[in-house]
């Protein structure tokens, strides 16, 4: 059997075998071409998702094409086999006709020669002719019958009709089998790509609905896409760490380590990253993310902004807030120790001007992410200095620290107690500079939406003549403080200016310390009216602290 099959096998190998050209390196032969279509392209790190390469589509369509070619080949082979069988049967019938005719002619010729052999030859001839005449009908009858059988076989088989009938009945099934590879590839690819963009849209929706703006606490620029570093090998990830062609729920770094792609999966919490601004590159690895609320403490030097910020921080910590950055946590601890010992913290260091103090307060799915800006007074005396602080584009609220003793006439009339520092900058000049900066980076309609809160500080010194303000409604409080500022401080121009630039304005008399500092008094400073003032501020910027 092998002797007959081996030539067929060798023939098929010759037709479908693979040979490689020594000159061009191109594949030859049908099998070689198919292998070339199904090849796997080289990959580089980090790898993309399979559907973002050309290879899967080439393979899917190649398998579809090969399947289609195979179906056509099977049909053609079946036609060929039936045709060859029919043709063979007709050839056998023709050969039988020829052989029978030649045999009878030869028999007749041999009989004619018998006349030359006398009576014996004549008798032989007669017998031969008789045999030929006897055999003529059965032989040719058999051959005729075989011919008729072949014709009937061909007609009865009617392969073309059967094939067309089969294709007509099952063409949809055959088509489904043929296009299945390409369909599977395209379907999975579309679902994968759709998942990528749905997840990206979901994250965008979450960040928008929860007010997560991803602002750098130092330069106030957007931090997404940030520069992410692998938490294992510290390699910088060259792509935006979001669901994309490099991964849906995670990317691989250049060394193959997993990196989560979404905020809800811990991207900002678990993956080290820094600000993408080349002039900043602030470390953002604390992972503080939540509903952004930006509050600026603005005022002249020694007006008491730092003390106010420390007291507000103490209040928020008591409500369950946290300070995510270790360095800022340590810095607050030092300032808080001074407050607890009855000592006044020093003025804000200019080196910290551009760094927002951050806090997070867990409420709901995402925490509040507070950015507190304590602007050093000497850096805000002139608008051109303050213009460097682009966090003014993101402000929700401003706590304007107004020191009454910074008004020379009031200071002469009401001498501040011993140990009480006095701001040297003119509040009217500061508020004008503030307005210029805000309008430089925002349109006027946006500026008007910022909540402005004028904190009349050092109220513990008694300049309000013991007036109890804590129980007043806010509208009455505003009128009371404005009247005091007009009549006692001569700040009608200040009030007019803020009313021209802001829609939400509140006035609060507060004290960050609660008493005058004294070297002999080491009891903790206790703020006055500060909680009530900031309860109103939280309400205006839609923050639920309690």
Protein backbone atom coordinates (compact mmCIF):
# COMPACT_ATOMS: atom_id res chain seq x y z
CA UNK A 1 0.00 0.00 0.00
CA UNK A 2 2.84 2.38 0.88
CA UNK A 3 4.24 1.85 -2.61
CA UNK A 4 1.10 3.47 -4.07
CA UNK A 5 0.59 6.14 -1.40
CA UNK A 6 4.18 7.39 -1.29
CA UNK A 7 4.10 9.01 -4.77
CA UNK A 8 0.91 10.84 -3.81
CA UNK A 9 2.49 12.06 -0.56
CA UNK A 10 5.60 13.21 -2.39
CA UNK A 11 3.45 15.05 -4.92
CA UNK A 12 1.52 16.88 -2.19
CA UNK A 13 4.73 17.80 -0.38
CA UNK A 14 6.07 19.22 -3.58
CA UNK A 15 2.94 21.33 -4.11
CA UNK A 16 2.38 22.48 -0.52
CA UNK A 17 5.87 22.16 0.87
CA UNK A 18 7.77 25.13 2.21
CA UNK A 19 11.02 26.27 0.70
CA UNK A 20 12.86 29.43 1.50
CA UNK A 21 14.56 31.49 -1.15
CA UNK A 22 18.27 31.88 -0.52
CA UNK A 23 18.32 35.28 -2.18
CA UNK A 24 15.22 37.16 -1.03
CA UNK A 25 14.16 35.18 2.04
CA UNK A 26 10.54 35.10 0.81
CA UNK A 27 8.42 32.02 1.33
CA UNK A 28 7.33 29.94 -1.64
CA UNK A 29 4.58 27.41 -1.92
CA UNK A 30 1.00 27.48 -0.64
CA UNK A 31 1.84 26.16 2.82
CA UNK A 32 4.72 28.58 3.17
CA UNK A 33 2.50 31.51 2.26
CA UNK A 34 -0.06 30.43 4.84
CA UNK A 35 2.67 30.12 7.45
CA UNK A 36 3.87 33.60 6.57
CA UNK A 37 0.34 35.00 7.06
CA UNK A 38 0.04 33.32 10.45
CA UNK A 39 3.41 34.50 11.71
CA UNK A 40 3.77 36.29 15.07
CA UNK A 41 5.21 39.78 14.95
CA UNK A 42 8.00 40.73 17.36
CA UNK A 43 6.90 42.65 20.48
CA UNK A 44 8.57 45.33 22.55
CA UNK A 45 8.10 46.28 26.21
CA UNK A 46 5.68 47.36 27.44
CA UNK A 47 3.40 45.29 25.26
CA UNK A 48 0.12 46.55 23.91
CA UNK A 49 -3.15 44.61 24.21
CA UNK A 50 -3.31 42.01 21.44
CA UNK A 51 -6.09 43.80 19.53
CA UNK A 52 -3.90 46.88 19.05
CA UNK A 53 -1.49 44.92 16.84
CA UNK A 54 -2.04 44.13 13.15
CA UNK A 55 -1.10 40.48 13.67
CA UNK A 56 -4.43 39.17 15.13
CA UNK A 57 -6.44 40.71 12.31
CA UNK A 58 -4.05 39.36 9.71
CA UNK A 59 -4.31 35.92 11.28
CA UNK A 60 -8.08 36.06 11.57
CA UNK A 61 -8.56 37.07 7.95
CA UNK A 62 -5.86 34.63 6.84
CA UNK A 63 -7.67 31.72 8.52
CA UNK A 64 -10.93 32.94 6.97
CA UNK A 65 -9.33 33.09 3.54
CA UNK A 66 -7.70 29.69 3.94
CA UNK A 67 -10.99 28.18 5.11
CA UNK A 68 -12.76 29.63 2.10
CA UNK A 69 -10.01 28.33 -0.19
CA UNK A 70 -10.27 24.91 1.47
CA UNK A 71 -14.03 24.74 0.90
CA UNK A 72 -13.56 25.64 -2.76
CA UNK A 73 -10.75 23.11 -3.05
CA UNK A 74 -12.93 20.33 -1.56
CA UNK A 75 -15.73 21.10 -4.00
CA UNK A 76 -13.26 21.22 -6.91
CA UNK A 77 -11.64 17.95 -5.83
CA UNK A 78 -15.04 16.27 -5.55
CA UNK A 79 -15.94 17.46 -9.06
CA UNK A 80 -12.58 16.28 -10.30
CA UNK A 81 -12.91 12.84 -8.74
CA UNK A 82 -16.41 12.29 -10.10
CA UNK A 83 -15.33 13.61 -13.48
CA UNK A 84 -12.29 11.35 -13.54
CA UNK A 85 -14.40 8.30 -12.60
CA UNK A 86 -16.96 9.06 -15.30
CA UNK A 87 -14.26 9.76 -17.86
CA UNK A 88 -12.50 6.55 -16.90
CA UNK A 89 -15.63 4.52 -17.39
CA UNK A 90 -16.18 6.04 -20.83
CA UNK A 91 -12.58 5.35 -21.73
CA UNK A 92 -12.99 1.73 -20.65
CA UNK A 93 -16.07 1.41 -22.85
CA UNK A 94 -14.23 2.91 -25.84
CA UNK A 95 -11.25 0.65 -25.28
CA UNK A 96 -13.54 -2.35 -25.10
CA UNK A 97 -15.14 -1.29 -28.40
CA UNK A 98 -11.76 -0.99 -30.03
CA UNK A 99 -10.39 -4.24 -28.63
CA UNK A 100 -13.51 -6.16 -29.59
CA UNK A 101 -13.49 -4.73 -33.12
CA UNK A 102 -9.81 -5.47 -33.61
CA UNK A 103 -10.29 -9.01 -32.30
CA UNK A 104 -13.20 -9.72 -34.62
CA UNK A 105 -11.40 -8.23 -37.62
CA UNK A 106 -8.34 -10.31 -36.84
CA UNK A 107 -10.53 -13.37 -36.50
CA UNK A 108 -12.14 -12.66 -39.85
CA UNK A 109 -8.80 -12.14 -41.58
CA UNK A 110 -7.48 -15.35 -40.18
CA UNK A 111 -10.57 -17.12 -41.50
CA UNK A 112 -10.04 -15.78 -45.03
CA UNK A 113 -6.56 -17.14 -45.08
CA UNK A 114 -8.01 -20.55 -44.33
CA UNK A 115 -9.34 -20.89 -47.91
CA UNK A 116 -5.80 -21.37 -49.08
CA UNK A 117 -5.37 -24.51 -46.98
CA UNK A 118 -7.76 -26.81 -48.86
CA UNK A 119 -10.76 -28.46 -47.36
CA UNK A 120 -9.31 -28.31 -43.89
CA UNK A 121 -8.72 -24.56 -44.23
CA UNK A 122 -12.19 -24.04 -45.62
CA UNK A 123 -13.71 -25.93 -42.71
CA UNK A 124 -11.57 -23.91 -40.28
CA UNK A 125 -12.65 -20.65 -41.89
CA UNK A 126 -16.31 -21.62 -41.73
CA UNK A 127 -15.95 -22.49 -38.04
CA UNK A 128 -14.08 -19.21 -37.34
CA UNK A 129 -16.69 -17.12 -39.10
CA UNK A 130 -19.41 -18.93 -37.26
CA UNK A 131 -17.69 -18.29 -33.90
CA UNK A 132 -17.19 -14.59 -34.77
CA UNK A 133 -20.81 -14.27 -35.83
CA UNK A 134 -21.87 -16.01 -32.62
CA UNK A 135 -19.69 -13.80 -30.38
CA UNK A 136 -20.47 -10.47 -32.13
CA UNK A 137 -23.75 -9.87 -30.49
CA UNK A 138 -22.90 -10.82 -26.87
CA UNK A 139 -19.55 -8.95 -26.92
CA UNK A 140 -20.88 -5.75 -28.37
CA UNK A 141 -24.04 -6.15 -26.38
CA UNK A 142 -21.95 -6.19 -23.20
CA UNK A 143 -19.95 -3.17 -24.33
CA UNK A 144 -23.12 -1.31 -25.27
CA UNK A 145 -24.57 -2.17 -21.93
CA UNK A 146 -21.44 -0.86 -20.15
CA UNK A 147 -21.67 2.37 -22.15
CA UNK A 148 -25.30 2.74 -21.25
CA UNK A 149 -24.44 2.01 -17.60
CA UNK A 150 -21.74 4.68 -17.66
CA UNK A 151 -24.13 7.20 -19.15
CA UNK A 152 -26.81 6.34 -16.63
CA UNK A 153 -24.25 6.47 -13.80
CA UNK A 154 -23.20 9.95 -14.85
CA UNK A 155 -26.80 11.07 -15.22
CA UNK A 156 -27.97 9.49 -11.98
CA UNK A 157 -25.06 10.92 -10.00
CA UNK A 158 -25.74 14.44 -11.27
CA UNK A 159 -23.10 15.81 -8.88
CA UNK A 160 -23.46 19.41 -9.98
CA UNK A 161 -27.14 19.40 -9.04
CA UNK A 162 -26.41 17.79 -5.69
CA UNK A 163 -23.65 20.28 -4.91
CA UNK A 164 -25.70 23.32 -5.91
CA UNK A 165 -28.65 21.98 -3.97
CA UNK A 166 -26.45 21.41 -0.92
CA UNK A 167 -24.94 24.88 -1.19
CA UNK A 168 -28.39 26.39 -1.61
CA UNK A 169 -29.64 24.69 1.55
CA UNK A 170 -26.58 25.14 3.77
CA UNK A 171 -24.86 28.20 2.36
CA UNK A 172 -25.45 30.16 5.59
CA UNK A 173 -23.85 27.41 7.66
CA UNK A 174 -20.90 27.15 5.30
CA UNK A 175 -20.52 30.94 5.27
CA UNK A 176 -20.65 31.01 9.06
CA UNK A 177 -17.87 28.42 9.27
CA UNK A 178 -15.78 30.36 6.77
CA UNK A 179 -16.10 33.78 8.44
CA UNK A 180 -16.03 32.52 12.04
CA UNK A 181 -12.28 33.18 12.62
CA UNK A 182 -12.46 36.80 11.42
CA UNK A 183 -15.76 37.34 13.26
CA UNK A 184 -14.35 36.06 16.56
CA UNK A 185 -11.26 38.26 16.27
CA UNK A 186 -13.25 41.38 15.37
CA UNK A 187 -15.91 40.80 18.04
CA UNK A 188 -13.41 40.34 20.87
CA UNK A 189 -11.34 43.27 19.60
CA UNK A 190 -14.38 45.58 19.47
CA UNK A 191 -15.49 44.52 22.96
CA UNK A 192 -11.97 45.04 24.32
CA UNK A 193 -11.57 48.48 22.77
CA UNK A 194 -15.09 49.42 23.86
CA UNK A 195 -14.26 48.35 27.43
CA UNK A 196 -11.14 50.53 27.37
CA UNK A 197 -13.06 53.65 26.41
CA UNK A 198 -16.03 52.90 28.67
CA UNK A 199 -13.71 52.62 31.67
CA UNK A 200 -11.96 55.84 30.70
CA UNK A 201 -15.31 57.54 30.37
CA UNK A 202 -16.39 56.10 33.73
CA UNK A 203 -13.31 57.50 35.44
CA UNK A 204 -13.82 60.88 33.80
CA UNK A 205 -17.43 60.86 34.99
CA UNK A 206 -16.36 59.94 38.54
CA UNK A 207 -13.71 62.67 38.71
CA UNK A 208 -16.13 65.24 37.31
CA UNK A 209 -19.05 64.30 39.56
CA UNK A 210 -16.88 64.23 42.70
CA UNK A 211 -14.97 67.42 41.79
CA UNK A 212 -11.60 65.67 41.59
CA UNK A 213 -9.38 68.05 39.64
CA UNK A 214 -5.93 66.49 40.21
CA UNK A 215 -4.12 69.75 40.94
CA UNK A 216 -0.47 69.91 41.95
CA UNK A 217 -0.17 71.35 45.48
CA UNK A 218 2.97 73.22 44.46
CA UNK A 219 2.42 74.63 40.96
CA UNK A 220 -1.38 74.11 40.82
CA UNK A 221 -1.13 72.69 37.29
CA UNK A 222 -3.08 69.56 36.36
CA UNK A 223 -1.20 66.46 37.45
CA UNK A 224 -2.93 63.97 35.18
CA UNK A 225 -1.37 62.45 33.22
CA UNK A 226 1.28 62.36 35.93
CA UNK A 227 4.71 60.75 35.60
CA UNK A 228 4.33 57.31 37.20
CA UNK A 229 7.14 55.13 38.49
CA UNK A 230 6.93 51.39 39.01
CA UNK A 231 6.57 50.68 42.72
CA UNK A 232 8.85 47.65 42.36
CA UNK A 233 11.71 48.62 40.03
CA UNK A 234 11.15 52.43 40.04
CA UNK A 235 11.27 52.51 36.23
CA UNK A 236 9.45 55.49 34.71
CA UNK A 237 6.32 54.45 32.84
CA UNK A 238 6.41 56.03 29.36
CA UNK A 239 2.63 56.10 28.84
CA UNK A 240 -0.46 57.60 30.43
CA UNK A 241 -1.51 55.21 33.19
CA UNK A 242 -5.17 54.82 32.25
CA UNK A 243 -7.14 52.05 30.50
CA UNK A 244 -5.58 52.12 27.04
CA UNK A 245 -3.95 49.97 24.41
CA UNK A 246 -1.28 49.01 26.97
CA UNK A 247 -3.73 47.46 29.41
CA UNK A 248 -7.27 47.70 30.72
CA UNK A 249 -7.04 47.28 34.48
CA UNK A 250 -3.25 47.38 34.70
CA UNK A 251 -0.18 48.18 32.64
CA UNK A 252 3.14 46.42 32.74
CA UNK A 253 6.24 48.48 33.29
CA UNK A 254 9.26 47.90 31.05
CA UNK A 255 10.31 45.11 33.43
CA UNK A 256 6.92 43.40 33.49
CA UNK A 257 5.57 44.58 36.86
CA UNK A 258 1.86 45.36 37.18
CA UNK A 259 0.67 48.96 37.64
CA UNK A 260 -3.06 49.71 38.27
CA UNK A 261 -4.64 52.03 35.71
CA UNK A 262 -7.63 53.50 37.53
CA UNK A 263 -8.19 55.78 40.47
CA UNK A 264 -10.64 53.32 42.05
CA UNK A 265 -8.03 50.55 41.75
CA UNK A 266 -5.46 52.49 43.77
CA UNK A 267 -3.41 54.09 41.00
CA UNK A 268 -2.77 57.36 42.82
CA UNK A 269 -2.45 55.63 46.18
CA UNK A 270 -0.19 52.69 45.30
CA UNK A 271 1.98 53.94 42.43
CA UNK A 272 4.69 56.58 43.06
CA UNK A 273 4.27 59.60 40.78
CA UNK A 274 5.21 63.23 40.44
CA UNK A 275 3.98 66.37 38.74
CA UNK A 276 4.47 66.29 34.95
CA UNK A 277 5.41 69.99 34.85
CA UNK A 278 9.14 70.11 34.08
CA UNK A 279 9.51 73.25 36.17
CA UNK A 280 7.89 71.60 39.19
CA UNK A 281 8.08 67.77 39.38
CA UNK A 282 6.61 67.84 42.88
CA UNK A 283 6.30 64.44 44.54
CA UNK A 284 2.64 63.32 44.61
CA UNK A 285 3.19 59.91 46.14
CA UNK A 286 1.07 60.69 49.19
CA UNK A 287 -1.89 59.63 47.05
CA UNK A 288 -4.15 62.37 48.40
CA UNK A 289 -7.14 62.33 46.05
CA UNK A 290 -10.69 63.45 46.58
CA UNK A 291 -13.18 66.24 46.00
CA UNK A 292 -10.88 69.22 45.58
CA UNK A 293 -11.50 72.30 47.69
CA UNK A 294 -8.98 75.13 47.34
CA UNK A 295 -8.89 77.78 50.09
CA UNK A 296 -6.40 80.64 50.18
CA UNK A 297 -5.43 82.50 53.35
CA UNK A 298 -4.56 85.98 52.12
CA UNK A 299 -3.28 88.85 54.22
CA UNK A 300 -0.33 90.98 55.16
CA UNK A 301 2.72 89.69 56.93
CA UNK A 302 2.15 88.94 60.67
CA UNK A 303 -1.59 89.27 60.18
CA UNK A 304 -2.04 85.82 61.72
CA UNK A 305 -2.68 83.58 58.68
CA UNK A 306 -0.47 80.77 59.93
CA UNK A 307 -2.13 80.71 63.36
CA UNK A 308 -5.56 80.61 61.70
CA UNK A 309 -4.47 77.73 59.46
CA UNK A 310 -3.15 75.76 62.43
CA UNK A 311 -6.41 76.23 64.33
CA UNK A 312 -8.52 75.24 61.30
CA UNK A 313 -6.32 72.17 60.87
CA UNK A 314 -6.83 71.25 64.53
CA UNK A 315 -10.59 71.57 64.05
CA UNK A 316 -10.58 69.32 60.96
CA UNK A 317 -8.34 66.74 62.63
CA UNK A 318 -10.87 66.54 65.44
CA UNK A 319 -13.49 65.73 62.77
CA UNK A 320 -11.44 62.81 61.46
CA UNK A 321 -9.37 64.54 58.78
CA UNK A 322 -5.81 63.46 57.96
CA UNK A 323 -2.65 65.13 56.70
CA UNK A 324 -1.42 62.78 53.94
CA UNK A 325 2.12 64.12 53.47
CA UNK A 326 4.64 63.06 56.10
CA UNK A 327 6.63 66.28 55.85
CA UNK A 328 3.57 68.46 56.29
CA UNK A 329 2.37 66.25 59.12
CA UNK A 330 5.66 66.82 60.92
CA UNK A 331 5.59 70.55 60.17
CA UNK A 332 2.08 70.86 61.56
CA UNK A 333 3.14 68.92 64.66
CA UNK A 334 5.84 71.50 65.32
CA UNK A 335 3.43 74.42 64.86
CA UNK A 336 0.79 72.74 66.98
CA UNK A 337 3.29 72.20 69.78
CA UNK A 338 3.91 75.94 69.83
CA UNK A 339 0.15 76.65 70.00
CA UNK A 340 -0.21 74.14 72.84
CA UNK A 341 2.62 75.89 74.73
CA UNK A 342 1.16 79.36 74.24
CA UNK A 343 3.82 80.39 71.74
CA UNK A 344 3.15 82.16 68.46
CA UNK A 345 4.46 80.39 65.30
CA UNK A 346 6.81 82.38 63.11
CA UNK A 347 5.84 83.93 59.79
CA UNK A 348 5.40 81.70 56.77
CA UNK A 349 8.74 80.87 55.20
CA UNK A 350 9.01 82.14 51.62
CA UNK A 351 10.29 78.74 50.51
CA UNK A 352 6.86 77.28 51.30
CA UNK A 353 4.93 79.86 49.32
CA UNK A 354 4.18 77.59 46.39
CA UNK A 355 3.34 74.46 48.39
CA UNK A 356 -0.29 73.96 49.39
CA UNK A 357 -0.96 72.46 52.79
CA UNK A 358 -3.11 69.38 52.14
CA UNK A 359 -5.70 67.55 54.18
CA UNK A 360 -8.19 64.81 53.42
CA UNK A 361 -11.50 64.25 55.16
CA UNK A 362 -13.27 60.97 54.50
CA UNK A 363 -16.91 61.56 53.61
CA UNK A 364 -18.67 59.16 51.22
CA UNK A 365 -17.01 57.31 48.34
CA UNK A 366 -14.24 59.87 47.98
CA UNK A 367 -12.80 62.11 50.68
CA UNK A 368 -12.61 65.88 50.54
CA UNK A 369 -9.16 66.95 49.46
CA UNK A 370 -8.38 70.36 50.95
CA UNK A 371 -5.68 72.62 49.57
CA UNK A 372 -4.82 75.43 51.99
CA UNK A 373 -2.59 78.19 50.65
CA UNK A 374 -0.83 80.31 53.28
CA UNK A 375 0.69 83.07 51.18
CA UNK A 376 3.67 84.83 52.76
CA UNK A 377 2.77 88.48 53.19
CA UNK A 378 5.87 89.97 51.60
CA UNK A 379 5.20 87.95 48.46
CA UNK A 380 1.73 89.40 48.07
CA UNK A 381 2.42 93.09 48.52
CA UNK A 382 2.57 93.58 44.78
CA UNK A 383 0.37 91.99 42.15
CA UNK A 384 3.33 91.08 39.96
CA UNK A 385 4.72 88.93 42.78
CA UNK A 386 1.44 87.21 43.50
CA UNK A 387 0.89 86.54 39.79
CA UNK A 388 3.35 83.65 40.04
CA UNK A 389 0.81 81.67 42.04
CA UNK A 390 -1.40 79.96 39.52
CA UNK A 391 -3.46 78.29 42.23
CA UNK A 392 -5.69 81.37 41.91
CA UNK A 393 -7.24 79.61 38.90
CA UNK A 394 -8.66 76.89 41.14
CA UNK A 395 -9.84 78.76 44.24
CA UNK A 396 -13.19 77.94 45.81
CA UNK A 397 -12.87 80.25 48.77
CA UNK A 398 -10.64 83.05 50.10
CA UNK A 399 -10.07 83.79 53.76
CA UNK A 400 -8.92 87.41 53.70
CA UNK A 401 -7.18 88.09 57.00
CA UNK A 402 -7.91 91.70 57.91
CA UNK A 403 -5.83 93.06 60.78
CA UNK A 404 -7.57 96.21 62.12
CA UNK A 405 -4.30 97.38 63.64
CA UNK A 406 -2.79 97.58 60.15
CA UNK A 407 -4.87 100.78 59.73
CA UNK A 408 -2.60 103.52 61.15
CA UNK A 409 -5.43 105.71 62.46
CA UNK A 410 -7.05 102.82 64.30
CA UNK A 411 -3.71 101.68 65.71
CA UNK A 412 -3.07 105.13 67.14
CA UNK A 413 -6.51 105.24 68.69
CA UNK A 414 -6.46 101.65 70.02
CA UNK A 415 -2.97 100.55 70.93
CA UNK A 416 -2.62 96.76 70.55
CA UNK A 417 -1.73 94.82 73.70
CA UNK A 418 1.88 93.99 74.39
CA UNK A 419 3.06 90.95 72.41
CA UNK A 420 0.46 91.32 69.64
CA UNK A 421 2.16 91.59 66.24
CA UNK A 422 0.68 94.04 63.76
CA UNK A 423 0.49 93.63 59.98
CA UNK A 424 2.23 96.37 58.05
CA UNK A 425 0.48 96.06 54.65
CA UNK A 426 -2.52 98.17 53.69
CA UNK A 427 -5.59 95.85 53.39
CA UNK A 428 -7.04 97.95 50.57
CA UNK A 429 -3.86 97.58 48.55
CA UNK A 430 -3.81 93.83 49.21
CA UNK A 431 -7.42 93.30 48.12
CA UNK A 432 -6.81 95.33 44.98
CA UNK A 433 -3.73 93.25 44.16
CA UNK A 434 -5.72 90.10 44.85
CA UNK A 435 -8.46 91.18 42.43
CA UNK A 436 -5.91 91.96 39.73
CA UNK A 437 -4.33 88.52 40.05
CA UNK A 438 -7.68 86.72 40.04
CA UNK A 439 -8.86 88.55 36.95
CA UNK A 440 -5.53 87.91 35.24
CA UNK A 441 -6.11 84.15 35.41
CA UNK A 442 -9.93 83.98 35.36
CA UNK A 443 -12.80 85.73 33.69
CA UNK A 444 -14.79 88.07 35.90
CA UNK A 445 -17.80 85.76 36.12
CA UNK A 446 -15.64 83.04 37.62
CA UNK A 447 -14.07 85.46 40.10
CA UNK A 448 -17.49 86.55 41.29
CA UNK A 449 -18.35 82.94 42.17
CA UNK A 450 -15.42 82.64 44.59
CA UNK A 451 -16.50 82.85 48.21
CA UNK A 452 -14.73 85.80 49.90
CA UNK A 453 -14.59 85.72 53.67
CA UNK A 454 -13.19 88.76 55.48
CA UNK A 455 -11.81 87.60 58.82
CA UNK A 456 -11.45 90.53 61.18
CA UNK A 457 -8.70 89.03 63.34
CA UNK A 458 -7.47 89.70 66.89
CA UNK A 459 -11.00 90.29 68.11
CA UNK A 460 -9.85 89.09 71.54
CA UNK A 461 -8.11 92.47 72.09
CA UNK A 462 -11.49 94.06 72.80
CA UNK A 463 -11.73 96.53 69.94
CA UNK A 464 -15.39 95.45 69.43
CA UNK A 465 -16.21 96.71 72.95
CA UNK A 466 -17.17 93.26 74.19
CA UNK A 467 -19.84 92.80 71.50
CA UNK A 468 -20.96 89.16 71.51
CA UNK A 469 -21.06 88.15 67.85
CA UNK A 470 -21.21 84.38 68.06
CA UNK A 471 -25.01 84.24 68.29
CA UNK A 472 -25.74 86.64 65.42
CA UNK A 473 -27.28 85.55 62.17
CA UNK A 474 -24.83 85.85 59.30
CA UNK A 475 -26.68 88.72 57.61
CA UNK A 476 -26.66 90.73 60.86
CA UNK A 477 -23.03 89.82 61.41
CA UNK A 478 -22.13 91.12 57.97
CA UNK A 479 -23.88 94.43 58.60
CA UNK A 480 -22.32 94.77 62.05
CA UNK A 481 -18.76 94.19 60.82
CA UNK A 482 -19.18 96.39 57.73
CA UNK A 483 -20.50 99.22 59.91
CA UNK A 484 -17.51 98.81 62.21
CA UNK A 485 -15.10 98.83 59.25
CA UNK A 486 -16.68 101.99 57.78
CA UNK A 487 -16.94 103.98 60.98
CA UNK A 488 -14.00 102.80 63.03
CA UNK A 489 -11.52 101.70 60.36
CA UNK A 490 -12.46 104.03 57.52
CA UNK A 491 -12.61 101.13 55.08
CA UNK A 492 -15.59 102.13 52.96
CA UNK A 493 -13.36 101.88 49.88
CA UNK A 494 -12.41 98.32 50.87
CA UNK A 495 -16.05 97.28 51.22
CA UNK A 496 -16.99 98.96 47.96
CA UNK A 497 -14.15 97.19 46.15
CA UNK A 498 -15.03 93.68 47.32
CA UNK A 499 -18.71 94.22 46.52
CA UNK A 500 -17.72 95.20 42.98
CA UNK A 501 -15.71 91.99 42.45
CA UNK A 502 -17.38 89.24 44.51
CA UNK A 503 -20.94 87.98 44.92
CA UNK A 504 -20.45 85.81 48.02
CA UNK A 505 -19.03 87.96 50.83
CA UNK A 506 -19.13 87.22 54.53
CA UNK A 507 -17.55 89.07 57.45
CA UNK A 508 -16.42 87.42 60.69
CA UNK A 509 -14.66 88.79 63.78
CA UNK A 510 -12.35 85.99 64.91
CA UNK A 511 -9.32 85.34 67.05
CA UNK A 512 -6.84 82.58 66.28
CA UNK A 513 -5.23 82.76 69.73
CA UNK A 514 -7.99 83.89 72.07
CA UNK A 515 -5.61 86.05 74.13
CA UNK A 516 -2.50 88.13 73.82
CA UNK A 517 0.74 86.13 73.82
CA UNK A 518 2.71 86.36 77.06
CA UNK A 519 6.08 84.84 78.01
CA UNK A 520 4.67 83.93 81.40
CA UNK A 521 1.49 82.25 80.12
CA UNK A 522 2.14 78.78 78.67
CA UNK A 523 -1.48 77.68 78.46
CA UNK A 524 -2.71 76.63 75.02
CA UNK A 525 -4.18 79.23 72.73
CA UNK A 526 -7.91 78.77 72.20
CA UNK A 527 -9.48 80.21 69.04
CA UNK A 528 -12.63 82.33 69.26
CA UNK A 529 -15.48 82.35 66.71
CA UNK A 530 -13.27 80.48 64.26
CA UNK A 531 -15.44 77.35 64.21
CA UNK A 532 -18.57 79.38 63.45
CA UNK A 533 -16.78 81.30 60.69
CA UNK A 534 -15.52 78.16 58.99
CA UNK A 535 -18.82 76.37 59.38
CA UNK A 536 -20.17 79.10 57.13
CA UNK A 537 -17.23 78.76 54.75
CA UNK A 538 -17.76 74.98 54.49
CA UNK A 539 -21.44 75.56 53.76
CA UNK A 540 -20.68 78.06 50.99
CA UNK A 541 -18.31 75.66 49.21
CA UNK A 542 -20.58 72.65 49.80
CA UNK A 543 -18.43 70.74 52.26
CA UNK A 544 -20.01 68.54 54.92
CA UNK A 545 -17.59 68.51 57.84
CA UNK A 546 -19.95 67.28 60.57
